[in-house]
Amino acid sequence: MNQWIDWEVALSTAKALTPAGPALDQAQAARIVAELRQAAELGLRKAEAISGLGSTKPAQVLVVDRAGWAKAVSQNFAAMMPELPSTPPSVPVIAGAELGAVLSILSTRVLGQFDPYSGSRLLLNAPTITQIRGEMNLNAADFYLWVATHEQTHRLQFEVATWVPEVMRETLAAIFTGSGGKTRSMAEIGQRVKSLRSEVGELTTIMSVLEGHAMAVMNDVHDIPSIKTIRQRFAARGQNRGVIATWVGKLLGMDAKARQYERGEKFVRHIVGQIGYDGFNRIFESRQAFPTASELDHPQQWLARMA
């Protein structure tokens, strides 16, 4: 397989640079793993009840350490990326080292991830969840459920909107293979991105809505006793963007701040406020039902088009 990234280099770099996380004894670690698994199960039920979407497919729940998280995410990326007809030998190594460095940073920030590409599986990054919960002095059970509901909402999205992963693959293929497989640097990738404004704009909008929807659902779990405290403290820290959104956003030149996903949540809140979650769910029916970039900022346009 001829790819633009050397995945072994990416993984070894991530492992070398990633800190282990909070020091826990065996009993503490086992308890946290068990509680996160319970939260994942309950989070799916909460996400289904609030969103109106239902899960029909089994998904594996992986509670991992940071090294395990980096490995799983590398597998995720490898399944997303296109094969290339030719790649200069130095490029995959450099790109792999860069991705590994990014993963090492993200592993200390990203709490969870749903992976629809290398098998349907939900990843919960136990050391980072534990560390951030402690730093913010949050109730463990409440925080675990809040995070799990977000990731399980992504699971439901990918189950019902099965076309979404293919859009991402198509966009990455257009970027990496459009130059005949002769891409030699990130600068060239940047030029390709600029030439694909329509494709990149569509993907940006899709990712914004998916993230905004997951944020809305997680924040509507009103029977989490300390949810107001969690939301306030987490908002002060910054949004929990998934690793796919973060890395692809970096690659595509999307805004690295929370604004892109604030736009998505604002759109979702407006639509749900008008027609409820059941009405909003029409958005997942097809690629054509998703909002355009203009509709993302003017949700009434989407409502008018879908009327």
C-alpha atoms as a PDB file:
ATOM      1  CA  MET A   1       0.000   0.000   0.000  1.00  0.00           C
ATOM      2  CA  ASN A   2       1.501   3.320  -1.093  1.00  0.00           C
ATOM      3  CA  GLN A   3       0.312   6.063   1.258  1.00  0.00           C
ATOM      4  CA  TRP A   4       1.344   9.602   2.005  1.00  0.00           C
ATOM      5  CA  ILE A   5       1.911   8.836   5.691  1.00  0.00           C
ATOM      6  CA  ASP A   6       4.205   6.225   7.234  1.00  0.00           C
ATOM      7  CA  TRP A   7       1.864   4.934   9.924  1.00  0.00           C
ATOM      8  CA  GLU A   8       4.571   3.082  11.825  1.00  0.00           C
ATOM      9  CA  VAL A   9       6.564   6.310  12.121  1.00  0.00           C
ATOM     10  CA  ALA A  10       3.425   8.152  13.207  1.00  0.00           C
ATOM     11  CA  LEU A  11       2.702   5.622  15.933  1.00  0.00           C
ATOM     12  CA  SER A  12       6.284   5.346  17.206  1.00  0.00           C
ATOM     13  CA  THR A  13       6.586   9.141  17.306  1.00  0.00           C
ATOM     14  CA  ALA A  14       3.320   9.462  19.222  1.00  0.00           C
ATOM     15  CA  LYS A  15       4.376   6.809  21.740  1.00  0.00           C
ATOM     16  CA  ALA A  16       7.755   8.465  22.281  1.00  0.00           C
ATOM     17  CA  LEU A  17       6.297  11.932  22.861  1.00  0.00           C
ATOM     18  CA  THR A  18       3.067  11.155  24.718  1.00  0.00           C
ATOM     19  CA  PRO A  19       3.025  11.448  28.542  1.00  0.00           C
ATOM     20  CA  ALA A  20       1.502   8.498  30.377  1.00  0.00           C
ATOM     21  CA  GLY A  21      -1.130  10.432  32.321  1.00  0.00           C
ATOM     22  CA  PRO A  22      -2.128  10.406  36.005  1.00  0.00           C
ATOM     23  CA  ALA A  23      -0.459   7.825  38.243  1.00  0.00           C
ATOM     24  CA  LEU A  24      -3.063   5.282  39.376  1.00  0.00           C
ATOM     25  CA  ASP A  25      -2.836   1.997  41.195  1.00  0.00           C
ATOM     26  CA  GLN A  26      -4.348  -1.123  39.662  1.00  0.00           C
ATOM     27  CA  ALA A  27      -7.571  -0.917  41.650  1.00  0.00           C
ATOM     28  CA  GLN A  28      -8.161   2.743  40.739  1.00  0.00           C
ATOM     29  CA  ALA A  29      -7.520   2.069  37.063  1.00  0.00           C
ATOM     30  CA  ALA A  30      -9.867  -0.933  37.027  1.00  0.00           C
ATOM     31  CA  ARG A  31     -12.621   1.089  38.712  1.00  0.00           C
ATOM     32  CA  ILE A  32     -12.325   3.937  36.186  1.00  0.00           C
ATOM     33  CA  VAL A  33     -12.414   1.519  33.252  1.00  0.00           C
ATOM     34  CA  ALA A  34     -15.563  -0.118  34.616  1.00  0.00           C
ATOM     35  CA  GLU A  35     -17.233   3.252  35.241  1.00  0.00           C
ATOM     36  CA  LEU A  36     -16.413   4.478  31.738  1.00  0.00           C
ATOM     37  CA  ARG A  37     -17.901   1.337  30.218  1.00  0.00           C
ATOM     38  CA  GLN A  38     -21.066   1.857  32.248  1.00  0.00           C
ATOM     39  CA  ALA A  39     -21.171   5.489  31.139  1.00  0.00           C
ATOM     40  CA  ALA A  40     -20.845   4.426  27.498  1.00  0.00           C
ATOM     41  CA  GLU A  41     -23.849   2.125  27.825  1.00  0.00           C
ATOM     42  CA  LEU A  42     -25.972   4.729  29.585  1.00  0.00           C
ATOM     43  CA  GLY A  43     -24.724   7.466  27.245  1.00  0.00           C
ATOM     44  CA  LEU A  44     -26.087   5.572  24.248  1.00  0.00           C
ATOM     45  CA  ARG A  45     -29.526   5.386  25.863  1.00  0.00           C
ATOM     46  CA  LYS A  46     -29.409   9.107  26.671  1.00  0.00           C
ATOM     47  CA  ALA A  47     -28.293  10.015  23.156  1.00  0.00           C
ATOM     48  CA  GLU A  48     -31.079   7.910  21.633  1.00  0.00           C
ATOM     49  CA  ALA A  49     -33.743   9.376  23.913  1.00  0.00           C
ATOM     50  CA  ILE A  50     -32.747  12.989  23.299  1.00  0.00           C
ATOM     51  CA  SER A  51     -31.838  12.869  19.602  1.00  0.00           C
ATOM     52  CA  GLY A  52     -34.641  10.595  18.456  1.00  0.00           C
ATOM     53  CA  LEU A  53     -32.119   8.461  16.577  1.00  0.00           C
ATOM     54  CA  GLY A  54     -31.798   4.747  17.272  1.00  0.00           C
ATOM     55  CA  SER A  55     -28.817   2.417  17.125  1.00  0.00           C
ATOM     56  CA  THR A  56     -29.255  -0.728  15.091  1.00  0.00           C
ATOM     57  CA  LYS A  57     -25.632  -1.873  14.817  1.00  0.00           C
ATOM     58  CA  PRO A  58     -23.233  -3.194  17.450  1.00  0.00           C
ATOM     59  CA  ALA A  59     -20.207  -1.068  18.280  1.00  0.00           C
ATOM     60  CA  GLN A  60     -17.118  -1.958  20.264  1.00  0.00           C
ATOM     61  CA  VAL A  61     -16.290   0.196  23.295  1.00  0.00           C
ATOM     62  CA  LEU A  62     -12.552   0.574  23.860  1.00  0.00           C
ATOM     63  CA  VAL A  63     -11.353   2.203  27.073  1.00  0.00           C
ATOM     64  CA  VAL A  64      -7.717   2.863  26.232  1.00  0.00           C
ATOM     65  CA  ASP A  65      -4.568   4.484  27.560  1.00  0.00           C
ATOM     66  CA  ARG A  66      -2.901   7.214  25.500  1.00  0.00           C
ATOM     67  CA  ALA A  67      -0.679   4.812  23.577  1.00  0.00           C
ATOM     68  CA  GLY A  68      -3.690   2.659  22.749  1.00  0.00           C
ATOM     69  CA  TRP A  69      -5.609   5.734  21.722  1.00  0.00           C
ATOM     70  CA  ALA A  70      -2.808   6.816  19.347  1.00  0.00           C
ATOM     71  CA  LYS A  71      -2.716   3.343  17.814  1.00  0.00           C
ATOM     72  CA  ALA A  72      -6.473   3.236  17.258  1.00  0.00           C
ATOM     73  CA  VAL A  73      -6.536   6.725  15.772  1.00  0.00           C
ATOM     74  CA  SER A  74      -3.649   5.855  13.445  1.00  0.00           C
ATOM     75  CA  GLN A  75      -5.690   2.887  12.218  1.00  0.00           C
ATOM     76  CA  ASN A  76      -8.633   5.237  11.777  1.00  0.00           C
ATOM     77  CA  PHE A  77      -6.622   7.652   9.645  1.00  0.00           C
ATOM     78  CA  ALA A  78      -5.088   4.842   7.596  1.00  0.00           C
ATOM     79  CA  ALA A  79      -8.572   3.623   6.685  1.00  0.00           C
ATOM     80  CA  MET A  80      -9.586   7.144   5.629  1.00  0.00           C
ATOM     81  CA  MET A  81      -6.618   8.027   3.462  1.00  0.00           C
ATOM     82  CA  PRO A  82      -6.382   7.112  -0.240  1.00  0.00           C
ATOM     83  CA  GLU A  83      -3.679   4.991  -1.776  1.00  0.00           C
ATOM     84  CA  LEU A  84      -1.356   6.914  -4.102  1.00  0.00           C
ATOM     85  CA  PRO A  85       0.248   5.751  -7.321  1.00  0.00           C
ATOM     86  CA  SER A  86       3.635   7.083  -6.212  1.00  0.00           C
ATOM     87  CA  THR A  87       5.084   8.917  -3.233  1.00  0.00           C
ATOM     88  CA  PRO A  88       8.643  10.250  -2.804  1.00  0.00           C
ATOM     89  CA  PRO A  89      10.341   8.112  -0.109  1.00  0.00           C
ATOM     90  CA  SER A  90      10.982  10.987   2.287  1.00  0.00           C
ATOM     91  CA  VAL A  91       7.411  12.315   2.312  1.00  0.00           C
ATOM     92  CA  PRO A  92       5.676   9.495   4.264  1.00  0.00           C
ATOM     93  CA  VAL A  93       8.368   9.567   6.938  1.00  0.00           C
ATOM     94  CA  ILE A  94       8.147  13.330   7.411  1.00  0.00           C
ATOM     95  CA  ALA A  95       4.345  13.287   7.336  1.00  0.00           C
ATOM     96  CA  GLY A  96       4.293  10.345   9.756  1.00  0.00           C
ATOM     97  CA  ALA A  97       6.539  12.171  12.221  1.00  0.00           C
ATOM     98  CA  GLU A  98       4.356  15.269  11.973  1.00  0.00           C
ATOM     99  CA  LEU A  99       1.145  13.312  12.534  1.00  0.00           C
ATOM    100  CA  GLY A 100       2.754  11.459  15.462  1.00  0.00           C
ATOM    101  CA  ALA A 101       3.650  14.762  17.086  1.00  0.00           C
ATOM    102  CA  VAL A 102       0.074  15.996  16.580  1.00  0.00           C
ATOM    103  CA  LEU A 103      -1.314  12.787  18.092  1.00  0.00           C
ATOM    104  CA  SER A 104       0.941  13.128  21.124  1.00  0.00           C
ATOM    105  CA  ILE A 105      -0.512  16.567  21.818  1.00  0.00           C
ATOM    106  CA  LEU A 106      -4.109  15.584  21.083  1.00  0.00           C
ATOM    107  CA  SER A 107      -3.870  12.511  23.303  1.00  0.00           C
ATOM    108  CA  THR A 108      -3.611  14.843  26.284  1.00  0.00           C
ATOM    109  CA  ARG A 109      -6.669  16.856  25.190  1.00  0.00           C
ATOM    110  CA  VAL A 110      -9.161  14.653  23.352  1.00  0.00           C
ATOM    111  CA  LEU A 111     -11.482  12.696  25.625  1.00  0.00           C
ATOM    112  CA  GLY A 112     -13.152  10.353  23.189  1.00  0.00           C
ATOM    113  CA  GLN A 113     -13.695   9.485  19.575  1.00  0.00           C
ATOM    114  CA  PHE A 114     -16.091   7.425  17.498  1.00  0.00           C
ATOM    115  CA  ASP A 115     -14.384   5.566  14.670  1.00  0.00           C
ATOM    116  CA  PRO A 116     -16.618   4.477  11.764  1.00  0.00           C
ATOM    117  CA  TYR A 117     -13.710   3.726   9.420  1.00  0.00           C
ATOM    118  CA  SER A 118     -11.734   0.834  10.900  1.00  0.00           C
ATOM    119  CA  GLY A 119     -14.686  -0.911  12.478  1.00  0.00           C
ATOM    120  CA  SER A 120     -17.540   0.621  14.412  1.00  0.00           C
ATOM    121  CA  ARG A 121     -15.901   1.453  17.719  1.00  0.00           C
ATOM    122  CA  LEU A 122     -16.064   4.062  20.429  1.00  0.00           C
ATOM    123  CA  LEU A 123     -12.777   5.110  22.023  1.00  0.00           C
ATOM    124  CA  LEU A 124     -12.610   6.586  25.511  1.00  0.00           C
ATOM    125  CA  ASN A 125      -9.219   8.043  26.460  1.00  0.00           C
ATOM    126  CA  ALA A 126      -9.127   7.074  30.136  1.00  0.00           C
ATOM    127  CA  PRO A 127      -5.958   8.942  31.269  1.00  0.00           C
ATOM    128  CA  THR A 128      -7.060  12.215  29.706  1.00  0.00           C
ATOM    129  CA  ILE A 129     -10.627  11.924  30.963  1.00  0.00           C
ATOM    130  CA  THR A 130      -9.246  11.225  34.444  1.00  0.00           C
ATOM    131  CA  GLN A 131      -6.750  14.078  34.317  1.00  0.00           C
ATOM    132  CA  ILE A 132      -9.213  16.698  33.069  1.00  0.00           C
ATOM    133  CA  ARG A 133     -11.899  15.577  35.509  1.00  0.00           C
ATOM    134  CA  GLY A 134      -9.418  16.046  38.342  1.00  0.00           C
ATOM    135  CA  GLU A 135      -8.148  19.403  37.120  1.00  0.00           C
ATOM    136  CA  MET A 136     -11.711  20.725  36.905  1.00  0.00           C
ATOM    137  CA  ASN A 137     -12.829  19.062  40.127  1.00  0.00           C
ATOM    138  CA  LEU A 138     -15.883  17.494  38.464  1.00  0.00           C
ATOM    139  CA  ASN A 139     -18.150  14.704  39.646  1.00  0.00           C
ATOM    140  CA  ALA A 140     -16.765  11.575  37.984  1.00  0.00           C
ATOM    141  CA  ALA A 141     -20.010   9.785  37.135  1.00  0.00           C
ATOM    142  CA  ASP A 142     -21.595  12.955  35.756  1.00  0.00           C
ATOM    143  CA  PHE A 143     -18.568  13.842  33.665  1.00  0.00           C
ATOM    144  CA  TYR A 144     -18.157  10.328  32.266  1.00  0.00           C
ATOM    145  CA  LEU A 145     -21.818  10.268  31.192  1.00  0.00           C
ATOM    146  CA  TRP A 146     -21.585  13.723  29.616  1.00  0.00           C
ATOM    147  CA  VAL A 147     -18.552  12.716  27.532  1.00  0.00           C
ATOM    148  CA  ALA A 148     -20.006   9.330  26.601  1.00  0.00           C
ATOM    149  CA  THR A 149     -23.280  10.869  25.432  1.00  0.00           C
ATOM    150  CA  HIS A 150     -21.354  13.131  23.055  1.00  0.00           C
ATOM    151  CA  GLU A 151     -19.443  10.247  21.497  1.00  0.00           C
ATOM    152  CA  GLN A 152     -22.481   7.991  21.311  1.00  0.00           C
ATOM    153  CA  THR A 153     -24.306  10.768  19.466  1.00  0.00           C
ATOM    154  CA  HIS A 154     -21.577  10.587  16.832  1.00  0.00           C
ATOM    155  CA  ARG A 155     -22.173   6.835  16.674  1.00  0.00           C
ATOM    156  CA  LEU A 156     -25.856   7.426  15.943  1.00  0.00           C
ATOM    157  CA  GLN A 157     -25.026  10.045  13.311  1.00  0.00           C
ATOM    158  CA  PHE A 158     -22.732   7.712  11.399  1.00  0.00           C
ATOM    159  CA  GLU A 159     -25.236   4.861  11.625  1.00  0.00           C
ATOM    160  CA  VAL A 160     -28.063   6.866  10.089  1.00  0.00           C
ATOM    161  CA  ALA A 161     -25.991   9.035   7.706  1.00  0.00           C
ATOM    162  CA  THR A 162     -23.921   6.265   6.172  1.00  0.00           C
ATOM    163  CA  TRP A 163     -22.861   8.573   3.337  1.00  0.00           C
ATOM    164  CA  VAL A 164     -20.831  10.883   5.612  1.00  0.00           C
ATOM    165  CA  PRO A 165     -17.632   8.784   5.864  1.00  0.00           C
ATOM    166  CA  GLU A 166     -17.549   8.498   2.090  1.00  0.00           C
ATOM    167  CA  VAL A 167     -17.708  12.287   1.688  1.00  0.00           C
ATOM    168  CA  MET A 168     -14.603  12.583   3.840  1.00  0.00           C
ATOM    169  CA  ARG A 169     -12.828   9.901   1.826  1.00  0.00           C
ATOM    170  CA  GLU A 170     -13.806  11.605  -1.428  1.00  0.00           C
ATOM    171  CA  THR A 171     -12.467  14.946  -0.247  1.00  0.00           C
ATOM    172  CA  LEU A 172      -9.167  13.516   0.957  1.00  0.00           C
ATOM    173  CA  ALA A 173      -8.815  11.556  -2.281  1.00  0.00           C
ATOM    174  CA  ALA A 174      -9.367  14.728  -4.298  1.00  0.00           C
ATOM    175  CA  ILE A 175      -6.681  16.512  -2.286  1.00  0.00           C
ATOM    176  CA  PHE A 176      -4.055  13.789  -2.305  1.00  0.00           C
ATOM    177  CA  THR A 177      -4.577  12.197  -5.724  1.00  0.00           C
ATOM    178  CA  GLY A 178      -5.619  15.224  -7.752  1.00  0.00           C
ATOM    179  CA  SER A 179      -2.024  16.053  -8.599  1.00  0.00           C
ATOM    180  CA  GLY A 180      -1.399  12.622 -10.076  1.00  0.00           C
ATOM    181  CA  GLY A 181       0.078  11.232  -6.888  1.00  0.00           C
ATOM    182  CA  LYS A 182       3.085  13.546  -7.110  1.00  0.00           C
ATOM    183  CA  THR A 183       2.420  15.572  -3.986  1.00  0.00           C
ATOM    184  CA  ARG A 184       5.724  16.233  -2.255  1.00  0.00           C
ATOM    185  CA  SER A 185       5.018  18.636   0.589  1.00  0.00           C
ATOM    186  CA  MET A 186       2.434  20.189   2.880  1.00  0.00           C
ATOM    187  CA  ALA A 187       2.764  23.376   0.808  1.00  0.00           C
ATOM    188  CA  GLU A 188       1.496  21.505  -2.238  1.00  0.00           C
ATOM    189  CA  ILE A 189      -1.340  20.069  -0.162  1.00  0.00           C
ATOM    190  CA  GLY A 190      -2.241  23.598   0.874  1.00  0.00           C
ATOM    191  CA  GLN A 191      -2.443  24.665  -2.765  1.00  0.00           C
ATOM    192  CA  ARG A 192      -4.690  21.703  -3.559  1.00  0.00           C
ATOM    193  CA  VAL A 193      -6.991  22.645  -0.673  1.00  0.00           C
ATOM    194  CA  LYS A 194      -7.339  26.186  -2.011  1.00  0.00           C
ATOM    195  CA  SER A 195      -8.301  24.827  -5.428  1.00  0.00           C
ATOM    196  CA  LEU A 196     -11.044  22.626  -3.954  1.00  0.00           C
ATOM    197  CA  ARG A 197     -13.110  25.266  -2.195  1.00  0.00           C
ATOM    198  CA  SER A 198     -16.440  23.625  -2.973  1.00  0.00           C
ATOM    199  CA  GLU A 199     -15.454  20.157  -1.702  1.00  0.00           C
ATOM    200  CA  VAL A 200     -13.661  21.499   1.358  1.00  0.00           C
ATOM    201  CA  GLY A 201     -16.530  23.875   2.121  1.00  0.00           C
ATOM    202  CA  GLU A 202     -19.026  21.017   2.041  1.00  0.00           C
ATOM    203  CA  LEU A 203     -16.919  18.881   4.367  1.00  0.00           C
ATOM    204  CA  THR A 204     -16.394  21.793   6.746  1.00  0.00           C
ATOM    205  CA  THR A 205     -20.151  22.338   6.943  1.00  0.00           C
ATOM    206  CA  ILE A 206     -20.863  18.646   7.513  1.00  0.00           C
ATOM    207  CA  MET A 207     -18.305  18.394  10.304  1.00  0.00           C
ATOM    208  CA  SER A 208     -19.604  21.573  11.921  1.00  0.00           C
ATOM    209  CA  VAL A 209     -23.181  20.285  12.005  1.00  0.00           C
ATOM    210  CA  LEU A 210     -22.198  16.841  13.301  1.00  0.00           C
ATOM    211  CA  GLU A 211     -20.147  18.348  16.103  1.00  0.00           C
ATOM    212  CA  GLY A 212     -22.787  20.959  16.880  1.00  0.00           C
ATOM    213  CA  HIS A 213     -25.459  18.261  17.049  1.00  0.00           C
ATOM    214  CA  ALA A 214     -23.384  16.118  19.437  1.00  0.00           C
ATOM    215  CA  MET A 215     -22.748  19.156  21.624  1.00  0.00           C
ATOM    216  CA  ALA A 216     -26.447  20.006  21.719  1.00  0.00           C
ATOM    217  CA  VAL A 217     -27.438  16.459  22.670  1.00  0.00           C
ATOM    218  CA  MET A 218     -24.821  16.115  25.408  1.00  0.00           C
ATOM    219  CA  ASN A 219     -25.889  19.433  26.905  1.00  0.00           C
ATOM    220  CA  ASP A 220     -29.546  18.362  26.896  1.00  0.00           C
ATOM    221  CA  VAL A 221     -28.964  15.513  29.358  1.00  0.00           C
ATOM    222  CA  HIS A 222     -30.695  17.526  32.056  1.00  0.00           C
ATOM    223  CA  ASP A 223     -30.757  14.727  34.633  1.00  0.00           C
ATOM    224  CA  ILE A 224     -26.988  14.948  35.057  1.00  0.00           C
ATOM    225  CA  PRO A 225     -26.976  16.696  38.462  1.00  0.00           C
ATOM    226  CA  SER A 226     -23.840  18.787  37.911  1.00  0.00           C
ATOM    227  CA  ILE A 227     -24.274  19.469  34.193  1.00  0.00           C
ATOM    228  CA  LYS A 228     -24.307  23.262  34.614  1.00  0.00           C
ATOM    229  CA  THR A 229     -20.986  23.123  36.431  1.00  0.00           C
ATOM    230  CA  ILE A 230     -19.512  20.814  33.785  1.00  0.00           C
ATOM    231  CA  ARG A 231     -20.656  23.038  30.936  1.00  0.00           C
ATOM    232  CA  GLN A 232     -19.353  26.207  32.552  1.00  0.00           C
ATOM    233  CA  ARG A 233     -15.944  24.806  33.442  1.00  0.00           C
ATOM    234  CA  PHE A 234     -15.531  23.009  30.147  1.00  0.00           C
ATOM    235  CA  ALA A 235     -16.527  26.078  28.143  1.00  0.00           C
ATOM    236  CA  ALA A 236     -13.820  28.019  29.939  1.00  0.00           C
ATOM    237  CA  ARG A 237     -11.305  25.334  28.933  1.00  0.00           C
ATOM    238  CA  GLY A 238     -12.394  25.183  25.295  1.00  0.00           C
ATOM    239  CA  GLN A 239     -14.461  22.791  23.239  1.00  0.00           C
ATOM    240  CA  ASN A 240     -13.667  19.071  23.135  1.00  0.00           C
ATOM    241  CA  ARG A 241     -13.092  18.605  19.443  1.00  0.00           C
ATOM    242  CA  GLY A 242     -12.676  15.064  18.202  1.00  0.00           C
ATOM    243  CA  VAL A 243      -9.336  14.072  16.782  1.00  0.00           C
ATOM    244  CA  ILE A 244     -10.657  13.589  13.235  1.00  0.00           C
ATOM    245  CA  ALA A 245     -12.164  17.047  13.279  1.00  0.00           C
ATOM    246  CA  THR A 246      -8.995  18.543  14.726  1.00  0.00           C
ATOM    247  CA  TRP A 247      -6.529  16.844  12.374  1.00  0.00           C
ATOM    248  CA  VAL A 248      -8.610  17.200   9.220  1.00  0.00           C
ATOM    249  CA  GLY A 249      -9.373  20.771  10.233  1.00  0.00           C
ATOM    250  CA  LYS A 250      -5.654  21.451  10.480  1.00  0.00           C
ATOM    251  CA  LEU A 251      -5.070  19.798   7.116  1.00  0.00           C
ATOM    252  CA  LEU A 252      -7.886  21.662   5.391  1.00  0.00           C
ATOM    253  CA  GLY A 253      -7.082  25.023   6.919  1.00  0.00           C
ATOM    254  CA  MET A 254     -10.266  25.202   8.981  1.00  0.00           C
ATOM    255  CA  ASP A 255     -10.442  27.532  11.958  1.00  0.00           C
ATOM    256  CA  ALA A 256      -8.600  25.828  14.816  1.00  0.00           C
ATOM    257  CA  LYS A 257     -10.722  27.667  17.376  1.00  0.00           C
ATOM    258  CA  ALA A 258     -14.144  26.665  18.619  1.00  0.00           C
ATOM    259  CA  ARG A 259     -15.980  29.051  16.278  1.00  0.00           C
ATOM    260  CA  GLN A 260     -16.588  26.468  13.560  1.00  0.00           C
ATOM    261  CA  TYR A 261     -18.396  24.215  16.007  1.00  0.00           C
ATOM    262  CA  GLU A 262     -20.175  27.051  17.725  1.00  0.00           C
ATOM    263  CA  ARG A 263     -21.695  27.792  14.311  1.00  0.00           C
ATOM    264  CA  GLY A 264     -22.808  24.184  14.091  1.00  0.00           C
ATOM    265  CA  GLU A 265     -24.409  24.164  17.529  1.00  0.00           C
ATOM    266  CA  LYS A 266     -26.122  27.487  16.858  1.00  0.00           C
ATOM    267  CA  PHE A 267     -27.604  26.035  13.657  1.00  0.00           C
ATOM    268  CA  VAL A 268     -28.773  22.890  15.465  1.00  0.00           C
ATOM    269  CA  ARG A 269     -30.296  24.853  18.336  1.00  0.00           C
ATOM    270  CA  HIS A 270     -32.248  27.034  15.918  1.00  0.00           C
ATOM    271  CA  ILE A 271     -33.625  24.079  13.949  1.00  0.00           C
ATOM    272  CA  VAL A 272     -34.438  22.013  17.046  1.00  0.00           C
ATOM    273  CA  GLY A 273     -36.132  25.046  18.581  1.00  0.00           C
ATOM    274  CA  GLN A 274     -38.363  25.340  15.521  1.00  0.00           C
ATOM    275  CA  ILE A 275     -39.189  21.707  14.675  1.00  0.00           C
ATOM    276  CA  GLY A 276     -37.642  19.545  17.417  1.00  0.00           C
ATOM    277  CA  TYR A 277     -35.016  16.834  17.156  1.00  0.00           C
ATOM    278  CA  ASP A 278     -37.324  14.613  15.107  1.00  0.00           C
ATOM    279  CA  GLY A 279     -37.704  17.336  12.504  1.00  0.00           C
ATOM    280  CA  PHE A 280     -33.996  18.081  12.581  1.00  0.00           C
ATOM    281  CA  ASN A 281     -33.225  14.435  11.836  1.00  0.00           C
ATOM    282  CA  ARG A 282     -34.309  14.891   8.226  1.00  0.00           C
ATOM    283  CA  ILE A 283     -30.834  16.345   7.800  1.00  0.00           C
ATOM    284  CA  PHE A 284     -29.303  12.869   7.943  1.00  0.00           C
ATOM    285  CA  GLU A 285     -31.452  11.388   5.180  1.00  0.00           C
ATOM    286  CA  SER A 286     -29.138  12.327   2.327  1.00  0.00           C
ATOM    287  CA  ARG A 287     -26.174  14.417   1.324  1.00  0.00           C
ATOM    288  CA  GLN A 288     -28.555  16.832  -0.384  1.00  0.00           C
ATOM    289  CA  ALA A 289     -30.529  17.362   2.837  1.00  0.00           C
ATOM    290  CA  PHE A 290     -27.498  18.747   4.677  1.00  0.00           C
ATOM    291  CA  PRO A 291     -27.252  22.555   4.869  1.00  0.00           C
ATOM    292  CA  THR A 292     -25.058  24.508   2.538  1.00  0.00           C
ATOM    293  CA  ALA A 293     -22.365  26.804   3.936  1.00  0.00           C
ATOM    294  CA  SER A 294     -24.795  29.720   3.591  1.00  0.00           C
ATOM    295  CA  GLU A 295     -27.602  27.822   5.313  1.00  0.00           C
ATOM    296  CA  LEU A 296     -25.299  26.987   8.228  1.00  0.00           C
ATOM    297  CA  ASP A 297     -25.310  30.674   9.156  1.00  0.00           C
ATOM    298  CA  HIS A 298     -28.917  31.240   8.019  1.00  0.00           C
ATOM    299  CA  PRO A 299     -30.904  28.237   9.277  1.00  0.00           C
ATOM    300  CA  GLN A 300     -34.202  29.747   8.104  1.00  0.00           C
ATOM    301  CA  GLN A 301     -32.972  29.161   4.557  1.00  0.00           C
ATOM    302  CA  TRP A 302     -32.613  25.458   5.301  1.00  0.00           C
ATOM    303  CA  LEU A 303     -36.075  25.322   6.869  1.00  0.00           C
ATOM    304  CA  ALA A 304     -37.559  27.026   3.817  1.00  0.00           C
ATOM    305  CA  ARG A 305     -35.792  24.633   1.422  1.00  0.00           C
ATOM    306  CA  MET A 306     -36.897  21.569   3.357  1.00  0.00           C
ATOM    307  CA  ALA A 307     -40.524  22.742   3.832  1.00  0.00           C
END
